[in-house]
Amino acid sequence: MAGIGSRRTCDAYILEGRVTVNNDEVVRLGMRIDPAEDVVYFDGKAVTPSQENVYILMNKPLRTVTTAKDDRKRRTVIDLIGAPQRLFPVGRLDYNTTGALLITNDGELSYFLIHPRFMVKKKYRVMLNKVIRPIDLHHFQNGLMLDNRKTAPCKAREIRRMGNRSFLEVELHEGRNRQIRRMFEVLGYHVEQLSRVSFADLQISDLNPGEWRELTPKEVEKLKKLVETQKDTVTGNGGGSEE
């Protein structure tokens, strides 16, 4: 929130001993502070969070990286916005995945939205390389083994068939790495197209690929209410990341 780096980067800085609170070195991750009483220093300089929060919904286009910067000089979602504030995406979408992406500088809101126990709802549209078997739709409801761990039950339905291919809608409450693509791979399918059509009930139906808009006050209020209902259950546990 102060523009120093991502949560993971800041964890590394803490472990390197570069962060102090009230001139005392921070010796553990997840330390809680009172911003009104405590002063945080990075490399000896006091840091403060940005005062004005920005909330943007983007329809992420193809061949765009869901990071603030890219070492390979590829186009990022932040490049498309060009805002003066330091913004960051809430979770990730693959380079070749399109769709709903929330971008903000509200670190607290972002933390709870991507926390694995928050179970934020995400809907995707998926084009497969062939027609799906009805039995495989039931596998999504029961969970599939990925990385020696079963996925949470999710919803999958065939919307229509286009020639010899199936076009489906999948609803997830998890955010494992490349989860949808990998679930279909386990069942013997290849995902030809993948787009996230909603994130936490934020819809991109009015946005073309690459377009973005600021959230309305009502949308921001709704997100914050969702987060408030989950804070007690997730505080003190580790965060997670998007698909």
Foldseek 3Di string as FASTA:
>chain_A
DQPPDDPVVVVVQLCVQQKDKPPHRDDDPQDDDDVVPIFMGGNRHTTDADPDKFKKKAFAAAQEWQFQDDPVPTHHLVNLVPDPDDKHWLFTDDNGETEIIIIMSPVVLSQLQQAFVLLWKWKKKWKWPFDDDPVLQVCLQVFDDDPNDTFHRWHKDFPDDDVGITIMMIMGSGFDDVVVQVSVVVVPIGTPYMYIQDTSNRGCPVPDHSDMDTDDPVVVVSSVVSSVVCCVVPRPHDGHHGD
